[in-house]
Amino acid sequence: MLLTLLPAALVSAATARSLAQPPILLQEPLHDQPAHDEAYHIPTLHESTVMARRIMHLSSISTLITTFPEPSRSDALQSSMARLSADEQVTVFENRPPEMAGTPIGLMEYYADCEPDTGNPTVLAINIATPYKNHAAGSNISMHVRWWPTQQNIYSTTSFSSSSEDDDDDDIPTPHTPAALPRFSLHGYLEPIPTLDLVTHLIPACFLRAHPDSVLWQPGNDIHTSQYMRFVVEHVYWFGGFGDRARIGWLPVEAWRNVTTDEVDSLRLPGERKHGKEECHKKEMEKEKARRQGWVHWLPSFGLADW
């Protein structure tokens, strides 16, 4: 008798629990929501593209996904270790299982939005790092970036707005859960950034502003070979959140490239803090000043001490 009642009790409990959840967590359309309610407006392709560019501008941590190559013929290399660089010796002794060939791997990687006119993020590639070795061996590469303004691990299931006590937080029509917030995947290839572009766009200063700790592995360091590379974007996959109120799918790459800095600056993401125009302008001016003061220090590293 007990065994017979148990499944029914579980179903009843699950049903009661689901009724207590906001519809967004059930991923069901809100049919009774007025069609003119802006809170449930599904963004257009262009609006979604600007959102993605805003996320790329504000974030600086990504996941680079590549695939392992076929096992290298390292016998000849091992017989001439004395002629190999330190980076090459690490590659020889990686001891990767042969069956890993062709399987993907995703690893956290720094990036910075240092060429906003192009939409191509900047990475500081360490030659022995797995994503860059795989890419150099012929792997495709993609970059995943997510938006998560509030770092917490307890999520609201009873309200559609931010529960933060800070009045500067935007109210958002979904609970603050990672699943309800936007993310995207960039697909393309890496190419070295020419020295002239490094100087023109102040790439080192821009990257160091986003990642001060990367000073330890800047080009010319004594540990590993590194270089600045741009991730040339060819395709963009956008996942804006739950499908009843967000766009999910591929974004036109030309739209991605043609988003203006004014559009990026004027948009606010779910949960992003609000600032007055004067405060925003002041912060941007401070960033620009720090950027221009910092890049001069790195000219000698690129053979431009007298530039």
C-alpha atoms as a PDB file:
ATOM      1  CA  MET A   1       0.000   0.000   0.000  1.00  0.00           C
ATOM      2  CA  LEU A   2       2.814   2.382   0.939  1.00  0.00           C
ATOM      3  CA  LEU A   3       4.620   1.663  -2.345  1.00  0.00           C
ATOM      4  CA  THR A   4       1.418   2.439  -4.225  1.00  0.00           C
ATOM      5  CA  LEU A   5       0.888   5.788  -2.518  1.00  0.00           C
ATOM      6  CA  LEU A   6       4.499   6.932  -2.765  1.00  0.00           C
ATOM      7  CA  PRO A   7       4.556   7.721  -6.527  1.00  0.00           C
ATOM      8  CA  ALA A   8       1.236   9.587  -6.230  1.00  0.00           C
ATOM      9  CA  ALA A   9       2.594  11.605  -3.324  1.00  0.00           C
ATOM     10  CA  LEU A  10       5.728  12.502  -5.269  1.00  0.00           C
ATOM     11  CA  VAL A  11       3.687  13.607  -8.274  1.00  0.00           C
ATOM     12  CA  SER A  12       1.442  15.729  -6.051  1.00  0.00           C
ATOM     13  CA  ALA A  13       4.446  17.338  -4.383  1.00  0.00           C
ATOM     14  CA  ALA A  14       6.095  18.047  -7.728  1.00  0.00           C
ATOM     15  CA  THR A  15       2.877  19.567  -9.070  1.00  0.00           C
ATOM     16  CA  ALA A  16       2.454  21.778  -6.025  1.00  0.00           C
ATOM     17  CA  ARG A  17       6.054  22.869  -6.242  1.00  0.00           C
ATOM     18  CA  SER A  18       5.787  23.671  -9.958  1.00  0.00           C
ATOM     19  CA  LEU A  19       2.670  25.777  -9.371  1.00  0.00           C
ATOM     20  CA  ALA A  20       4.666  27.856  -6.895  1.00  0.00           C
ATOM     21  CA  GLN A  21       7.387  28.578  -9.446  1.00  0.00           C
ATOM     22  CA  PRO A  22       7.332  31.672 -11.656  1.00  0.00           C
ATOM     23  CA  PRO A  23       6.359  30.764 -15.250  1.00  0.00           C
ATOM     24  CA  ILE A  24       9.826  31.794 -16.463  1.00  0.00           C
ATOM     25  CA  LEU A  25      11.384  28.917 -14.543  1.00  0.00           C
ATOM     26  CA  LEU A  26       8.942  26.557 -16.248  1.00  0.00           C
ATOM     27  CA  GLN A  27       9.862  28.163 -19.593  1.00  0.00           C
ATOM     28  CA  GLU A  28       6.186  28.674 -20.417  1.00  0.00           C
ATOM     29  CA  PRO A  29       4.868  31.701 -22.317  1.00  0.00           C
ATOM     30  CA  LEU A  30       2.933  34.214 -20.260  1.00  0.00           C
ATOM     31  CA  HIS A  31      -0.247  34.168 -22.340  1.00  0.00           C
ATOM     32  CA  ASP A  32      -2.055  36.622 -20.065  1.00  0.00           C
ATOM     33  CA  GLN A  33       0.658  39.256 -20.423  1.00  0.00           C
ATOM     34  CA  PRO A  34      -0.442  42.306 -22.470  1.00  0.00           C
ATOM     35  CA  ALA A  35       1.176  42.329 -25.896  1.00  0.00           C
ATOM     36  CA  HIS A  36       2.210  45.969 -25.431  1.00  0.00           C
ATOM     37  CA  ASP A  37       4.081  45.313 -22.161  1.00  0.00           C
ATOM     38  CA  GLU A  38       7.691  46.358 -22.867  1.00  0.00           C
ATOM     39  CA  ALA A  39       8.954  44.094 -20.091  1.00  0.00           C
ATOM     40  CA  TYR A  40       8.160  41.101 -22.294  1.00  0.00           C
ATOM     41  CA  HIS A  41       9.305  42.544 -25.606  1.00  0.00           C
ATOM     42  CA  ILE A  42      11.453  40.030 -27.479  1.00  0.00           C
ATOM     43  CA  PRO A  43      14.528  41.945 -28.697  1.00  0.00           C
ATOM     44  CA  THR A  44      15.073  42.301 -32.421  1.00  0.00           C
ATOM     45  CA  LEU A  45      18.139  40.923 -34.182  1.00  0.00           C
ATOM     46  CA  HIS A  46      19.809  44.313 -33.978  1.00  0.00           C
ATOM     47  CA  GLU A  47      18.933  44.829 -30.320  1.00  0.00           C
ATOM     48  CA  SER A  48      20.259  41.370 -29.485  1.00  0.00           C
ATOM     49  CA  THR A  49      23.457  42.129 -31.387  1.00  0.00           C
ATOM     50  CA  VAL A  50      24.000  45.350 -29.439  1.00  0.00           C
ATOM     51  CA  MET A  51      23.371  43.436 -26.210  1.00  0.00           C
ATOM     52  CA  ALA A  52      26.027  40.904 -27.188  1.00  0.00           C
ATOM     53  CA  ARG A  53      28.522  43.654 -27.991  1.00  0.00           C
ATOM     54  CA  ARG A  54      27.730  45.309 -24.637  1.00  0.00           C
ATOM     55  CA  ILE A  55      28.431  42.041 -22.839  1.00  0.00           C
ATOM     56  CA  MET A  56      31.722  41.658 -24.689  1.00  0.00           C
ATOM     57  CA  HIS A  57      32.647  45.229 -23.733  1.00  0.00           C
ATOM     58  CA  LEU A  58      31.867  44.830 -20.032  1.00  0.00           C
ATOM     59  CA  SER A  59      33.090  41.273 -19.503  1.00  0.00           C
ATOM     60  CA  SER A  60      36.680  40.130 -19.749  1.00  0.00           C
ATOM     61  CA  ILE A  61      36.559  36.392 -19.015  1.00  0.00           C
ATOM     62  CA  SER A  62      35.737  33.836 -21.684  1.00  0.00           C
ATOM     63  CA  THR A  63      35.955  30.135 -22.384  1.00  0.00           C
ATOM     64  CA  LEU A  64      37.997  29.186 -25.446  1.00  0.00           C
ATOM     65  CA  ILE A  65      36.908  25.903 -27.038  1.00  0.00           C
ATOM     66  CA  THR A  66      39.230  23.969 -29.339  1.00  0.00           C
ATOM     67  CA  THR A  67      39.818  20.339 -30.277  1.00  0.00           C
ATOM     68  CA  PHE A  68      42.912  18.241 -29.719  1.00  0.00           C
ATOM     69  CA  PRO A  69      44.897  17.390 -32.859  1.00  0.00           C
ATOM     70  CA  GLU A  70      46.053  13.987 -33.971  1.00  0.00           C
ATOM     71  CA  PRO A  71      49.063  12.657 -31.988  1.00  0.00           C
ATOM     72  CA  SER A  72      52.214  14.426 -33.157  1.00  0.00           C
ATOM     73  CA  ARG A  73      55.237  12.551 -34.418  1.00  0.00           C
ATOM     74  CA  SER A  74      57.462  13.483 -31.492  1.00  0.00           C
ATOM     75  CA  ASP A  75      60.116  10.765 -31.848  1.00  0.00           C
ATOM     76  CA  ALA A  76      62.365  13.025 -33.895  1.00  0.00           C
ATOM     77  CA  LEU A  77      61.836  15.868 -31.457  1.00  0.00           C
ATOM     78  CA  GLN A  78      62.747  13.749 -28.462  1.00  0.00           C
ATOM     79  CA  SER A  79      66.022  12.794 -30.130  1.00  0.00           C
ATOM     80  CA  SER A  80      67.029  16.433 -30.458  1.00  0.00           C
ATOM     81  CA  MET A  81      65.803  17.987 -27.213  1.00  0.00           C
ATOM     82  CA  ALA A  82      68.913  20.136 -26.902  1.00  0.00           C
ATOM     83  CA  ARG A  83      67.784  22.135 -29.937  1.00  0.00           C
ATOM     84  CA  LEU A  84      64.247  22.749 -28.640  1.00  0.00           C
ATOM     85  CA  SER A  85      62.959  25.825 -26.845  1.00  0.00           C
ATOM     86  CA  ALA A  86      61.422  25.492 -23.406  1.00  0.00           C
ATOM     87  CA  ASP A  87      57.926  25.788 -24.909  1.00  0.00           C
ATOM     88  CA  GLU A  88      58.633  23.017 -27.420  1.00  0.00           C
ATOM     89  CA  GLN A  89      59.991  20.737 -24.694  1.00  0.00           C
ATOM     90  CA  VAL A  90      56.759  21.168 -22.716  1.00  0.00           C
ATOM     91  CA  THR A  91      54.817  20.161 -25.841  1.00  0.00           C
ATOM     92  CA  VAL A  92      56.881  17.005 -26.287  1.00  0.00           C
ATOM     93  CA  PHE A  93      56.312  15.868 -22.710  1.00  0.00           C
ATOM     94  CA  GLU A  94      52.589  16.688 -22.602  1.00  0.00           C
ATOM     95  CA  ASN A  95      51.844  12.956 -22.667  1.00  0.00           C
ATOM     96  CA  ARG A  96      48.319  13.423 -23.986  1.00  0.00           C
ATOM     97  CA  PRO A  97      46.324  10.174 -24.394  1.00  0.00           C
ATOM     98  CA  PRO A  98      46.048   9.355 -28.133  1.00  0.00           C
ATOM     99  CA  GLU A  99      42.303   8.790 -27.882  1.00  0.00           C
ATOM    100  CA  MET A 100      41.828  12.486 -27.033  1.00  0.00           C
ATOM    101  CA  ALA A 101      42.481  13.411 -30.680  1.00  0.00           C
ATOM    102  CA  GLY A 102      39.468  15.204 -32.126  1.00  0.00           C
ATOM    103  CA  THR A 103      37.757  15.769 -28.765  1.00  0.00           C
ATOM    104  CA  PRO A 104      36.922  19.321 -27.636  1.00  0.00           C
ATOM    105  CA  ILE A 105      38.257  21.096 -24.585  1.00  0.00           C
ATOM    106  CA  GLY A 106      37.101  24.397 -23.099  1.00  0.00           C
ATOM    107  CA  LEU A 107      39.333  26.467 -20.836  1.00  0.00           C
ATOM    108  CA  MET A 108      38.974  29.852 -19.186  1.00  0.00           C
ATOM    109  CA  GLU A 109      40.870  32.603 -20.964  1.00  0.00           C
ATOM    110  CA  TYR A 110      41.281  36.355 -20.529  1.00  0.00           C
ATOM    111  CA  TYR A 111      40.204  38.711 -23.291  1.00  0.00           C
ATOM    112  CA  ALA A 112      39.608  42.447 -23.680  1.00  0.00           C
ATOM    113  CA  ASP A 113      37.548  44.620 -26.006  1.00  0.00           C
ATOM    114  CA  CYS A 114      40.496  46.564 -27.387  1.00  0.00           C
ATOM    115  CA  GLU A 115      39.335  46.989 -31.014  1.00  0.00           C
ATOM    116  CA  PRO A 116      35.690  48.042 -30.580  1.00  0.00           C
ATOM    117  CA  ASP A 117      35.430  49.348 -34.132  1.00  0.00           C
ATOM    118  CA  THR A 118      35.804  45.791 -35.448  1.00  0.00           C
ATOM    119  CA  GLY A 119      34.055  43.656 -32.824  1.00  0.00           C
ATOM    120  CA  ASN A 120      37.112  41.382 -32.626  1.00  0.00           C
ATOM    121  CA  PRO A 121      38.176  40.629 -29.028  1.00  0.00           C
ATOM    122  CA  THR A 122      41.852  40.648 -28.061  1.00  0.00           C
ATOM    123  CA  VAL A 123      43.634  37.758 -26.359  1.00  0.00           C
ATOM    124  CA  LEU A 124      47.156  37.467 -24.989  1.00  0.00           C
ATOM    125  CA  ALA A 125      48.200  34.084 -26.324  1.00  0.00           C
ATOM    126  CA  ILE A 126      50.805  32.036 -24.467  1.00  0.00           C
ATOM    127  CA  ASN A 127      52.200  29.679 -27.065  1.00  0.00           C
ATOM    128  CA  ILE A 128      52.249  26.602 -24.813  1.00  0.00           C
ATOM    129  CA  ALA A 129      48.657  27.088 -23.606  1.00  0.00           C
ATOM    130  CA  THR A 130      46.324  24.365 -24.859  1.00  0.00           C
ATOM    131  CA  PRO A 131      43.852  26.542 -26.836  1.00  0.00           C
ATOM    132  CA  TYR A 132      46.631  28.203 -28.804  1.00  0.00           C
ATOM    133  CA  LYS A 133      48.540  24.986 -29.432  1.00  0.00           C
ATOM    134  CA  ASN A 134      45.367  23.337 -30.700  1.00  0.00           C
ATOM    135  CA  HIS A 135      44.525  26.289 -32.927  1.00  0.00           C
ATOM    136  CA  ALA A 136      48.050  26.374 -34.337  1.00  0.00           C
ATOM    137  CA  ALA A 137      47.682  22.656 -35.132  1.00  0.00           C
ATOM    138  CA  GLY A 138      44.582  23.349 -37.223  1.00  0.00           C
ATOM    139  CA  SER A 139      41.704  23.251 -34.726  1.00  0.00           C
ATOM    140  CA  ASN A 140      38.606  25.372 -35.102  1.00  0.00           C
ATOM    141  CA  ILE A 141      38.127  27.776 -32.215  1.00  0.00           C
ATOM    142  CA  SER A 142      35.152  29.395 -30.497  1.00  0.00           C
ATOM    143  CA  MET A 143      34.807  31.807 -27.597  1.00  0.00           C
ATOM    144  CA  HIS A 144      31.971  31.637 -25.061  1.00  0.00           C
ATOM    145  CA  VAL A 145      31.090  34.738 -23.020  1.00  0.00           C
ATOM    146  CA  ARG A 146      28.288  35.092 -20.469  1.00  0.00           C
ATOM    147  CA  TRP A 147      26.630  37.971 -18.637  1.00  0.00           C
ATOM    148  CA  TRP A 148      26.217  37.561 -14.890  1.00  0.00           C
ATOM    149  CA  PRO A 149      25.969  40.839 -12.958  1.00  0.00           C
ATOM    150  CA  THR A 150      25.254  39.409  -9.492  1.00  0.00           C
ATOM    151  CA  GLN A 151      27.609  36.730  -8.242  1.00  0.00           C
ATOM    152  CA  GLN A 152      25.524  34.559  -5.920  1.00  0.00           C
ATOM    153  CA  ASN A 153      24.462  30.950  -5.638  1.00  0.00           C
ATOM    154  CA  ILE A 154      21.037  31.387  -4.013  1.00  0.00           C
ATOM    155  CA  TYR A 155      18.412  32.298  -6.598  1.00  0.00           C
ATOM    156  CA  SER A 156      15.003  33.852  -6.109  1.00  0.00           C
ATOM    157  CA  THR A 157      12.052  31.723  -7.218  1.00  0.00           C
ATOM    158  CA  THR A 158       9.284  33.972  -5.933  1.00  0.00           C
ATOM    159  CA  SER A 159       9.871  37.285  -7.674  1.00  0.00           C
ATOM    160  CA  PHE A 160      10.493  38.528 -11.173  1.00  0.00           C
ATOM    161  CA  SER A 161      12.617  41.445 -10.065  1.00  0.00           C
ATOM    162  CA  SER A 162      16.013  41.959  -8.522  1.00  0.00           C
ATOM    163  CA  SER A 163      16.005  41.431  -4.757  1.00  0.00           C
ATOM    164  CA  SER A 164      19.034  43.660  -4.252  1.00  0.00           C
ATOM    165  CA  GLU A 165      18.700  46.424  -1.678  1.00  0.00           C
ATOM    166  CA  ASP A 166      20.709  48.726  -3.921  1.00  0.00           C
ATOM    167  CA  ASP A 167      18.336  51.080  -5.724  1.00  0.00           C
ATOM    168  CA  ASP A 168      20.853  51.387  -8.573  1.00  0.00           C
ATOM    169  CA  ASP A 169      20.129  47.835  -9.706  1.00  0.00           C
ATOM    170  CA  ASP A 170      17.776  47.526 -12.642  1.00  0.00           C
ATOM    171  CA  ASP A 171      14.645  45.495 -12.090  1.00  0.00           C
ATOM    172  CA  ILE A 172      14.616  42.575 -14.466  1.00  0.00           C
ATOM    173  CA  PRO A 173      11.544  40.514 -15.407  1.00  0.00           C
ATOM    174  CA  THR A 174      13.244  37.232 -14.550  1.00  0.00           C
ATOM    175  CA  PRO A 175      14.828  35.831 -11.411  1.00  0.00           C
ATOM    176  CA  HIS A 176      18.552  36.464 -11.087  1.00  0.00           C
ATOM    177  CA  THR A 177      19.623  33.044 -12.299  1.00  0.00           C
ATOM    178  CA  PRO A 178      22.383  32.313 -14.799  1.00  0.00           C
ATOM    179  CA  ALA A 179      19.883  30.448 -17.001  1.00  0.00           C
ATOM    180  CA  ALA A 180      17.748  33.584 -17.425  1.00  0.00           C
ATOM    181  CA  LEU A 181      20.602  35.860 -18.478  1.00  0.00           C
ATOM    182  CA  PRO A 182      22.222  36.245 -21.919  1.00  0.00           C
ATOM    183  CA  ARG A 183      25.360  34.596 -23.287  1.00  0.00           C
ATOM    184  CA  PHE A 184      26.860  34.030 -26.709  1.00  0.00           C
ATOM    185  CA  SER A 185      29.449  32.082 -28.660  1.00  0.00           C
ATOM    186  CA  LEU A 186      31.861  33.598 -31.181  1.00  0.00           C
ATOM    187  CA  HIS A 187      33.269  31.456 -33.992  1.00  0.00           C
ATOM    188  CA  GLY A 188      36.229  32.427 -36.141  1.00  0.00           C
ATOM    189  CA  TYR A 189      40.020  32.290 -36.048  1.00  0.00           C
ATOM    190  CA  LEU A 190      43.046  33.887 -34.393  1.00  0.00           C
ATOM    191  CA  GLU A 191      45.565  36.127 -36.093  1.00  0.00           C
ATOM    192  CA  PRO A 192      48.595  37.991 -34.671  1.00  0.00           C
ATOM    193  CA  ILE A 193      48.065  41.725 -34.153  1.00  0.00           C
ATOM    194  CA  PRO A 194      50.664  43.695 -36.149  1.00  0.00           C
ATOM    195  CA  THR A 195      52.946  46.022 -34.230  1.00  0.00           C
ATOM    196  CA  LEU A 196      51.442  49.118 -35.838  1.00  0.00           C
ATOM    197  CA  ASP A 197      47.972  48.099 -34.668  1.00  0.00           C
ATOM    198  CA  LEU A 198      49.312  47.370 -31.176  1.00  0.00           C
ATOM    199  CA  VAL A 199      50.506  50.958 -30.973  1.00  0.00           C
ATOM    200  CA  THR A 200      47.610  52.608 -32.803  1.00  0.00           C
ATOM    201  CA  HIS A 201      44.956  50.926 -30.690  1.00  0.00           C
ATOM    202  CA  LEU A 202      47.008  50.945 -27.461  1.00  0.00           C
ATOM    203  CA  ILE A 203      46.447  47.209 -27.152  1.00  0.00           C
ATOM    204  CA  PRO A 204      48.834  46.455 -24.242  1.00  0.00           C
ATOM    205  CA  ALA A 205      47.454  49.277 -22.086  1.00  0.00           C
ATOM    206  CA  CYS A 206      43.877  48.247 -22.880  1.00  0.00           C
ATOM    207  CA  PHE A 207      44.541  44.622 -21.972  1.00  0.00           C
ATOM    208  CA  LEU A 208      46.436  45.511 -18.801  1.00  0.00           C
ATOM    209  CA  ARG A 209      43.599  47.740 -17.661  1.00  0.00           C
ATOM    210  CA  ALA A 210      41.251  44.755 -17.926  1.00  0.00           C
ATOM    211  CA  HIS A 211      43.788  42.269 -16.505  1.00  0.00           C
ATOM    212  CA  PRO A 212      46.538  43.912 -14.429  1.00  0.00           C
ATOM    213  CA  ASP A 213      47.935  40.516 -13.414  1.00  0.00           C
ATOM    214  CA  SER A 214      48.760  39.768 -17.055  1.00  0.00           C
ATOM    215  CA  VAL A 215      51.823  41.975 -16.631  1.00  0.00           C
ATOM    216  CA  LEU A 216      53.578  38.722 -15.682  1.00  0.00           C
ATOM    217  CA  TRP A 217      53.157  37.182 -19.136  1.00  0.00           C
ATOM    218  CA  GLN A 218      53.349  40.175 -21.432  1.00  0.00           C
ATOM    219  CA  PRO A 219      55.381  39.714 -24.648  1.00  0.00           C
ATOM    220  CA  GLY A 220      59.073  39.627 -23.825  1.00  0.00           C
ATOM    221  CA  ASN A 221      58.668  38.028 -20.392  1.00  0.00           C
ATOM    222  CA  ASP A 222      61.311  35.583 -19.173  1.00  0.00           C
ATOM    223  CA  ILE A 223      58.983  32.607 -18.696  1.00  0.00           C
ATOM    224  CA  HIS A 224      56.924  31.832 -21.805  1.00  0.00           C
ATOM    225  CA  THR A 225      56.600  33.105 -25.337  1.00  0.00           C
ATOM    226  CA  SER A 226      53.442  35.183 -25.736  1.00  0.00           C
ATOM    227  CA  GLN A 227      51.859  37.465 -28.292  1.00  0.00           C
ATOM    228  CA  TYR A 228      48.757  39.583 -28.726  1.00  0.00           C
ATOM    229  CA  MET A 229      46.216  38.072 -31.099  1.00  0.00           C
ATOM    230  CA  ARG A 230      42.782  39.101 -32.280  1.00  0.00           C
ATOM    231  CA  PHE A 231      39.858  36.713 -32.437  1.00  0.00           C
ATOM    232  CA  VAL A 232      38.449  37.439 -35.897  1.00  0.00           C
ATOM    233  CA  VAL A 233      34.696  36.923 -35.586  1.00  0.00           C
ATOM    234  CA  GLU A 234      33.011  35.117 -38.480  1.00  0.00           C
ATOM    235  CA  HIS A 235      29.843  33.815 -36.804  1.00  0.00           C
ATOM    236  CA  VAL A 236      27.892  34.722 -33.644  1.00  0.00           C
ATOM    237  CA  TYR A 237      25.461  32.432 -31.813  1.00  0.00           C
ATOM    238  CA  TRP A 238      23.257  34.278 -29.328  1.00  0.00           C
ATOM    239  CA  PHE A 239      21.348  32.815 -26.397  1.00  0.00           C
ATOM    240  CA  GLY A 240      19.456  35.704 -24.865  1.00  0.00           C
ATOM    241  CA  GLY A 241      17.727  33.782 -22.081  1.00  0.00           C
ATOM    242  CA  PHE A 242      14.441  31.942 -21.926  1.00  0.00           C
ATOM    243  CA  GLY A 243      12.822  31.663 -25.317  1.00  0.00           C
ATOM    244  CA  ASP A 244       9.476  33.230 -24.467  1.00  0.00           C
ATOM    245  CA  ARG A 245      11.119  36.632 -24.011  1.00  0.00           C
ATOM    246  CA  ALA A 246      14.580  36.449 -25.544  1.00  0.00           C
ATOM    247  CA  ARG A 247      16.018  35.752 -28.957  1.00  0.00           C
ATOM    248  CA  ILE A 248      17.986  32.560 -29.485  1.00  0.00           C
ATOM    249  CA  GLY A 249      19.911  31.858 -32.678  1.00  0.00           C
ATOM    250  CA  TRP A 250      22.558  33.154 -35.073  1.00  0.00           C
ATOM    251  CA  LEU A 251      23.199  36.892 -35.368  1.00  0.00           C
ATOM    252  CA  PRO A 252      24.307  38.484 -38.665  1.00  0.00           C
ATOM    253  CA  VAL A 253      28.057  38.971 -38.508  1.00  0.00           C
ATOM    254  CA  GLU A 254      27.841  42.228 -40.465  1.00  0.00           C
ATOM    255  CA  ALA A 255      25.470  43.589 -37.834  1.00  0.00           C
ATOM    256  CA  TRP A 256      27.988  42.495 -35.162  1.00  0.00           C
ATOM    257  CA  ARG A 257      30.809  44.359 -36.904  1.00  0.00           C
ATOM    258  CA  ASN A 258      28.776  47.509 -37.528  1.00  0.00           C
ATOM    259  CA  VAL A 259      27.528  48.104 -33.980  1.00  0.00           C
ATOM    260  CA  THR A 260      28.741  51.556 -32.916  1.00  0.00           C
ATOM    261  CA  THR A 261      30.359  52.478 -29.616  1.00  0.00           C
ATOM    262  CA  ASP A 262      27.486  54.911 -29.002  1.00  0.00           C
ATOM    263  CA  GLU A 263      25.005  52.029 -29.236  1.00  0.00           C
ATOM    264  CA  VAL A 264      27.093  49.926 -26.858  1.00  0.00           C
ATOM    265  CA  ASP A 265      27.457  52.778 -24.357  1.00  0.00           C
ATOM    266  CA  SER A 266      23.766  53.675 -24.353  1.00  0.00           C
ATOM    267  CA  LEU A 267      22.425  50.147 -23.751  1.00  0.00           C
ATOM    268  CA  ARG A 268      21.940  48.672 -20.289  1.00  0.00           C
ATOM    269  CA  LEU A 269      21.831  44.936 -19.654  1.00  0.00           C
ATOM    270  CA  PRO A 270      19.574  43.067 -17.205  1.00  0.00           C
ATOM    271  CA  GLY A 271      20.789  43.820 -13.688  1.00  0.00           C
ATOM    272  CA  GLU A 272      23.387  46.354 -14.817  1.00  0.00           C
ATOM    273  CA  ARG A 273      23.772  49.327 -12.511  1.00  0.00           C
ATOM    274  CA  LYS A 274      22.451  52.683 -13.606  1.00  0.00           C
ATOM    275  CA  HIS A 275      24.660  55.758 -13.659  1.00  0.00           C
ATOM    276  CA  GLY A 276      23.948  59.339 -14.549  1.00  0.00           C
ATOM    277  CA  LYS A 277      25.303  60.622 -17.863  1.00  0.00           C
ATOM    278  CA  GLU A 278      27.842  62.878 -16.158  1.00  0.00           C
ATOM    279  CA  GLU A 279      29.188  60.037 -13.985  1.00  0.00           C
ATOM    280  CA  CYS A 280      29.420  57.702 -16.998  1.00  0.00           C
ATOM    281  CA  HIS A 281      31.288  60.377 -18.979  1.00  0.00           C
ATOM    282  CA  LYS A 282      33.666  60.966 -16.068  1.00  0.00           C
ATOM    283  CA  LYS A 283      34.427  57.258 -15.751  1.00  0.00           C
ATOM    284  CA  GLU A 284      35.086  56.960 -19.496  1.00  0.00           C
ATOM    285  CA  MET A 285      37.435  59.960 -19.397  1.00  0.00           C
ATOM    286  CA  GLU A 286      39.340  58.415 -16.480  1.00  0.00           C
ATOM    287  CA  LYS A 287      39.672  55.129 -18.363  1.00  0.00           C
ATOM    288  CA  GLU A 288      40.923  56.901 -21.484  1.00  0.00           C
ATOM    289  CA  LYS A 289      43.489  58.881 -19.481  1.00  0.00           C
ATOM    290  CA  ALA A 290      44.794  55.719 -17.802  1.00  0.00           C
ATOM    291  CA  ARG A 291      44.894  53.985 -21.172  1.00  0.00           C
ATOM    292  CA  ARG A 292      46.999  56.706 -22.816  1.00  0.00           C
ATOM    293  CA  GLN A 293      49.382  56.953 -19.874  1.00  0.00           C
ATOM    294  CA  GLY A 294      49.934  53.208 -19.668  1.00  0.00           C
ATOM    295  CA  TRP A 295      50.717  52.288 -23.266  1.00  0.00           C
ATOM    296  CA  VAL A 296      53.973  54.283 -23.521  1.00  0.00           C
ATOM    297  CA  HIS A 297      55.658  51.955 -21.022  1.00  0.00           C
ATOM    298  CA  TRP A 298      55.298  49.045 -23.445  1.00  0.00           C
ATOM    299  CA  LEU A 299      56.735  50.643 -26.604  1.00  0.00           C
ATOM    300  CA  PRO A 300      60.303  49.312 -26.010  1.00  0.00           C
ATOM    301  CA  SER A 301      58.923  45.755 -25.819  1.00  0.00           C
ATOM    302  CA  PHE A 302      57.822  46.090 -29.434  1.00  0.00           C
ATOM    303  CA  GLY A 303      61.024  47.748 -30.713  1.00  0.00           C
ATOM    304  CA  LEU A 304      59.490  51.230 -30.686  1.00  0.00           C
ATOM    305  CA  ALA A 305      61.460  52.937 -27.939  1.00  0.00           C
ATOM    306  CA  ASP A 306      61.965  56.039 -30.118  1.00  0.00           C
ATOM    307  CA  TRP A 307      58.446  56.063 -31.554  1.00  0.00           C
END
